[in-house]
Amino acid sequence: MEKLQIIRIVEIEHPTTTNSCKITFNDKSFKVGYFESFNDKKELKEKNLWRVVENNNNEKYRKSRIQDEKDKTNTAIEFSTLINGDDILTIEIL
């Protein structure tokens, strides 16, 4: 999927971070989760790369994010998956 298509969906039409979506890939596999922003978002977006927190990692991610804010660290990023936009076939907001 082209970068501008993804931007339209996840930043303009559905900008709420925690909106779950089904991301279907060109090989017909899929992930369910939500797009999340980290400090590297601008750099990744230029390369059509996106960070997604899968729903099955949501609780661990949230706890880690709270701790990161206290400690001024960035360990929550470990619970995200880096996805290449070129591999995305569709994004369906759930």
N, C-alpha and C. Protein backbone atom coordinates (compact mmCIF):
# COMPACT_ATOMS: atom_id res chain seq x y z
N MET A 1 0.85 -1.16 0.00
CA MET A 1 0.00 0.00 0.00
C MET A 1 0.90 1.23 0.00
N GLU A 2 0.51 2.23 -0.72
CA GLU A 2 1.32 3.44 -0.80
C GLU A 2 1.26 4.23 0.51
N LYS A 3 2.35 4.93 0.79
CA LYS A 3 2.48 5.70 2.02
C LYS A 3 1.32 6.67 2.22
N LEU A 4 0.92 7.38 1.19
CA LEU A 4 -0.16 8.36 1.31
C LEU A 4 -1.50 7.71 1.63
N GLN A 5 -1.73 6.51 1.13
CA GLN A 5 -2.96 5.77 1.46
C GLN A 5 -2.99 5.43 2.95
N ILE A 6 -1.86 5.00 3.47
CA ILE A 6 -1.78 4.64 4.89
C ILE A 6 -1.97 5.90 5.75
N ILE A 7 -1.32 6.98 5.37
CA ILE A 7 -1.45 8.24 6.11
C ILE A 7 -2.91 8.67 6.14
N ARG A 8 -3.59 8.56 5.03
CA ARG A 8 -5.00 8.97 4.96
C ARG A 8 -5.84 8.15 5.94
N ILE A 9 -5.59 6.86 6.02
CA ILE A 9 -6.38 6.00 6.89
C ILE A 9 -6.02 6.20 8.37
N VAL A 10 -4.74 6.13 8.71
CA VAL A 10 -4.36 6.09 10.13
C VAL A 10 -4.12 7.47 10.75
N GLU A 11 -3.92 8.49 9.96
CA GLU A 11 -3.68 9.81 10.53
C GLU A 11 -4.80 10.80 10.27
N ILE A 12 -5.57 10.61 9.23
CA ILE A 12 -6.62 11.58 8.89
C ILE A 12 -8.00 11.02 9.21
N GLU A 13 -8.34 9.86 8.67
CA GLU A 13 -9.68 9.31 8.86
C GLU A 13 -9.88 8.72 10.25
N HIS A 14 -8.86 8.08 10.81
CA HIS A 14 -8.97 7.42 12.12
C HIS A 14 -7.72 7.71 12.96
N PRO A 15 -7.57 8.96 13.40
CA PRO A 15 -6.33 9.34 14.08
C PRO A 15 -6.19 8.83 15.52
N THR A 16 -7.26 8.30 16.12
CA THR A 16 -7.16 7.80 17.48
C THR A 16 -6.22 6.60 17.51
N THR A 17 -5.20 6.69 18.32
CA THR A 17 -4.15 5.67 18.35
C THR A 17 -4.68 4.28 18.64
N THR A 18 -5.64 4.17 19.52
CA THR A 18 -6.06 2.85 19.97
C THR A 18 -7.19 2.24 19.14
N ASN A 19 -7.52 2.81 18.00
CA ASN A 19 -8.50 2.16 17.12
C ASN A 19 -7.88 0.88 16.58
N SER A 20 -8.45 -0.25 16.94
CA SER A 20 -7.92 -1.51 16.42
C SER A 20 -8.24 -1.62 14.94
N CYS A 21 -7.35 -2.25 14.24
CA CYS A 21 -7.57 -2.47 12.81
C CYS A 21 -7.02 -3.83 12.43
N LYS A 22 -7.54 -4.34 11.35
CA LYS A 22 -7.05 -5.59 10.78
C LYS A 22 -6.19 -5.19 9.59
N ILE A 23 -4.93 -5.55 9.66
CA ILE A 23 -3.98 -5.24 8.59
C ILE A 23 -3.75 -6.53 7.82
N THR A 24 -4.21 -6.55 6.58
CA THR A 24 -4.04 -7.73 5.75
C THR A 24 -2.87 -7.48 4.80
N PHE A 25 -2.01 -8.48 4.70
CA PHE A 25 -0.81 -8.35 3.89
C PHE A 25 -1.00 -8.98 2.52
N ASN A 26 -0.10 -8.68 1.63
CA ASN A 26 -0.17 -9.20 0.25
C ASN A 26 -0.22 -10.72 0.20
N ASP A 27 0.38 -11.39 1.19
CA ASP A 27 0.36 -12.86 1.21
C ASP A 27 -0.89 -13.41 1.91
N LYS A 28 -1.86 -12.52 2.20
CA LYS A 28 -3.16 -12.85 2.83
C LYS A 28 -3.06 -13.12 4.32
N SER A 29 -1.88 -13.06 4.92
CA SER A 29 -1.79 -13.15 6.38
C SER A 29 -2.26 -11.81 6.94
N PHE A 30 -2.50 -11.74 8.25
CA PHE A 30 -2.98 -10.48 8.82
C PHE A 30 -2.54 -10.35 10.27
N LYS A 31 -2.61 -9.12 10.77
CA LYS A 31 -2.37 -8.79 12.17
C LYS A 31 -3.52 -7.90 12.61
N VAL A 32 -3.87 -8.00 13.89
CA VAL A 32 -4.89 -7.13 14.46
C VAL A 32 -4.22 -6.33 15.57
N GLY A 33 -4.32 -5.03 15.47
CA GLY A 33 -3.69 -4.15 16.45
C GLY A 33 -3.95 -2.72 16.08
N TYR A 34 -3.06 -1.84 16.52
CA TYR A 34 -3.22 -0.42 16.20
C TYR A 34 -1.87 0.21 15.91
N PHE A 35 -1.90 1.24 15.08
CA PHE A 35 -0.70 1.97 14.73
C PHE A 35 -0.32 2.85 15.91
N GLU A 36 0.98 2.89 16.23
CA GLU A 36 1.45 3.66 17.38
C GLU A 36 2.64 4.51 16.97
N SER A 37 2.77 5.65 17.61
CA SER A 37 3.86 6.58 17.30
C SER A 37 4.96 6.48 18.35
N PHE A 38 6.18 6.45 17.87
CA PHE A 38 7.35 6.51 18.73
C PHE A 38 8.23 7.64 18.20
N ASN A 39 9.36 7.85 18.84
CA ASN A 39 10.25 8.95 18.44
C ASN A 39 10.75 8.83 17.01
N ASP A 40 10.72 7.64 16.45
CA ASP A 40 11.24 7.42 15.10
C ASP A 40 10.16 7.49 14.02
N LYS A 41 8.96 7.94 14.38
CA LYS A 41 7.83 7.91 13.44
C LYS A 41 8.12 8.67 12.15
N LYS A 42 8.64 9.87 12.26
CA LYS A 42 8.88 10.69 11.06
C LYS A 42 9.87 10.00 10.12
N GLU A 43 10.94 9.49 10.67
CA GLU A 43 11.96 8.80 9.88
C GLU A 43 11.39 7.54 9.22
N LEU A 44 10.62 6.77 9.98
CA LEU A 44 10.05 5.54 9.44
C LEU A 44 9.00 5.84 8.37
N LYS A 45 8.18 6.86 8.61
CA LYS A 45 7.12 7.19 7.66
C LYS A 45 7.69 7.54 6.29
N GLU A 46 8.82 8.19 6.27
CA GLU A 46 9.48 8.53 5.00
C GLU A 46 9.82 7.27 4.20
N LYS A 47 10.07 6.18 4.90
CA LYS A 47 10.44 4.91 4.26
C LYS A 47 9.24 3.97 4.11
N ASN A 48 8.04 4.48 4.43
CA ASN A 48 6.80 3.69 4.41
C ASN A 48 6.89 2.50 5.37
N LEU A 49 7.46 2.76 6.54
CA LEU A 49 7.53 1.77 7.62
C LEU A 49 6.67 2.27 8.77
N TRP A 50 5.99 1.34 9.45
CA TRP A 50 5.00 1.70 10.46
C TRP A 50 5.13 0.78 11.66
N ARG A 51 4.90 1.33 12.85
CA ARG A 51 4.92 0.52 14.07
C ARG A 51 3.48 0.21 14.48
N VAL A 52 3.24 -1.07 14.73
CA VAL A 52 1.92 -1.54 15.13
C VAL A 52 2.06 -2.30 16.44
N VAL A 53 1.16 -2.02 17.37
CA VAL A 53 1.07 -2.79 18.60
C VAL A 53 -0.06 -3.78 18.39
N GLU A 54 0.28 -5.06 18.36
CA GLU A 54 -0.75 -6.08 18.17
C GLU A 54 -1.58 -6.19 19.44
N ASN A 55 -2.86 -6.48 19.28
CA ASN A 55 -3.76 -6.53 20.43
C ASN A 55 -3.29 -7.50 21.51
N ASN A 56 -2.64 -8.60 21.12
CA ASN A 56 -2.18 -9.56 22.12
C ASN A 56 -1.00 -9.03 22.94
N ASN A 57 -0.38 -7.93 22.52
CA ASN A 57 0.70 -7.29 23.27
C ASN A 57 0.24 -6.00 23.96
N ASN A 58 -1.02 -5.68 23.85
CA ASN A 58 -1.50 -4.39 24.33
C ASN A 58 -1.26 -4.17 25.82
N GLU A 59 -1.57 -5.14 26.66
CA GLU A 59 -1.42 -4.97 28.10
C GLU A 59 0.04 -4.76 28.48
N LYS A 60 0.92 -5.59 27.93
CA LYS A 60 2.36 -5.44 28.21
C LYS A 60 2.86 -4.09 27.71
N TYR A 61 2.39 -3.69 26.53
CA TYR A 61 2.81 -2.41 25.96
C TYR A 61 2.39 -1.25 26.87
N ARG A 62 1.14 -1.23 27.30
CA ARG A 62 0.62 -0.14 28.14
C ARG A 62 1.40 -0.04 29.45
N LYS A 63 1.65 -1.18 30.10
CA LYS A 63 2.41 -1.16 31.35
C LYS A 63 3.82 -0.64 31.13
N SER A 64 4.42 -1.08 30.04
CA SER A 64 5.78 -0.64 29.73
C SER A 64 5.81 0.85 29.40
N ARG A 65 4.80 1.34 28.71
CA ARG A 65 4.73 2.76 28.34
C ARG A 65 4.62 3.64 29.59
N ILE A 66 3.83 3.21 30.56
CA ILE A 66 3.70 3.95 31.82
C ILE A 66 5.04 3.99 32.55
N GLN A 67 5.72 2.84 32.58
CA GLN A 67 7.03 2.80 33.23
C GLN A 67 8.04 3.65 32.48
N ASP A 68 7.98 3.65 31.16
CA ASP A 68 8.89 4.48 30.35
C ASP A 68 8.74 5.96 30.70
N GLU A 69 7.51 6.39 30.89
CA GLU A 69 7.27 7.79 31.22
C GLU A 69 7.90 8.15 32.56
N LYS A 70 7.84 7.22 33.50
CA LYS A 70 8.45 7.46 34.82
C LYS A 70 9.97 7.46 34.72
N ASP A 71 10.52 6.50 33.97
CA ASP A 71 11.97 6.31 33.90
C ASP A 71 12.65 7.09 32.77
N LYS A 72 11.84 7.73 31.92
CA LYS A 72 12.38 8.43 30.74
C LYS A 72 13.14 7.48 29.83
N THR A 73 12.57 6.28 29.64
CA THR A 73 13.17 5.27 28.76
C THR A 73 12.22 5.00 27.60
N ASN A 74 12.57 4.04 26.75
CA ASN A 74 11.74 3.73 25.57
C ASN A 74 11.68 2.21 25.36
N THR A 75 11.37 1.48 26.42
CA THR A 75 11.32 0.03 26.29
C THR A 75 10.01 -0.47 25.69
N ALA A 76 8.96 0.34 25.71
CA ALA A 76 7.66 -0.09 25.16
C ALA A 76 7.77 -0.42 23.68
N ILE A 77 8.74 0.15 23.01
CA ILE A 77 8.93 -0.09 21.58
C ILE A 77 9.13 -1.59 21.29
N GLU A 78 9.61 -2.33 22.29
CA GLU A 78 9.83 -3.77 22.13
C GLU A 78 8.53 -4.53 21.87
N PHE A 79 7.40 -3.94 22.26
CA PHE A 79 6.12 -4.61 22.09
C PHE A 79 5.41 -4.19 20.80
N SER A 80 6.12 -3.49 19.96
CA SER A 80 5.55 -3.11 18.66
C SER A 80 6.19 -3.95 17.56
N THR A 81 5.49 -4.01 16.44
CA THR A 81 5.98 -4.74 15.27
C THR A 81 6.20 -3.72 14.16
N LEU A 82 7.35 -3.77 13.53
CA LEU A 82 7.65 -2.88 12.42
C LEU A 82 7.11 -3.50 11.13
N ILE A 83 6.29 -2.73 10.42
CA ILE A 83 5.64 -3.24 9.21
C ILE A 83 6.00 -2.36 8.03
N ASN A 84 6.33 -3.00 6.92
CA ASN A 84 6.60 -2.28 5.68
C ASN A 84 5.27 -2.04 4.97
N GLY A 85 4.97 -0.78 4.69
CA GLY A 85 3.71 -0.43 4.04
C GLY A 85 3.54 -1.09 2.68
N ASP A 86 4.65 -1.38 2.00
CA ASP A 86 4.56 -2.04 0.69
C ASP A 86 3.98 -3.45 0.80
N ASP A 87 4.04 -4.03 2.00
CA ASP A 87 3.52 -5.38 2.21
C ASP A 87 2.04 -5.39 2.59
N ILE A 88 1.45 -4.21 2.81
CA ILE A 88 0.06 -4.12 3.24
C ILE A 88 -0.87 -4.13 2.04
N LEU A 89 -1.88 -4.99 2.09
CA LEU A 89 -2.91 -5.04 1.07
C LEU A 89 -4.09 -4.15 1.46
N THR A 90 -4.60 -4.33 2.68
CA THR A 90 -5.72 -3.52 3.16
C THR A 90 -5.58 -3.22 4.66
N ILE A 91 -6.24 -2.14 5.08
CA ILE A 91 -6.36 -1.80 6.49
C ILE A 91 -7.85 -1.59 6.75
N GLU A 92 -8.36 -2.38 7.68
CA GLU A 92 -9.79 -2.30 8.02
C GLU A 92 -9.91 -1.88 9.48
N ILE A 93 -10.51 -0.72 9.75
CA ILE A 93 -10.73 -0.27 11.11
C ILE A 93 -11.84 -1.11 11.72
N LEU A 94 -11.62 -1.64 12.89
CA LEU A 94 -12.59 -2.52 13.55
C LEU A 94 -13.46 -1.76 14.54
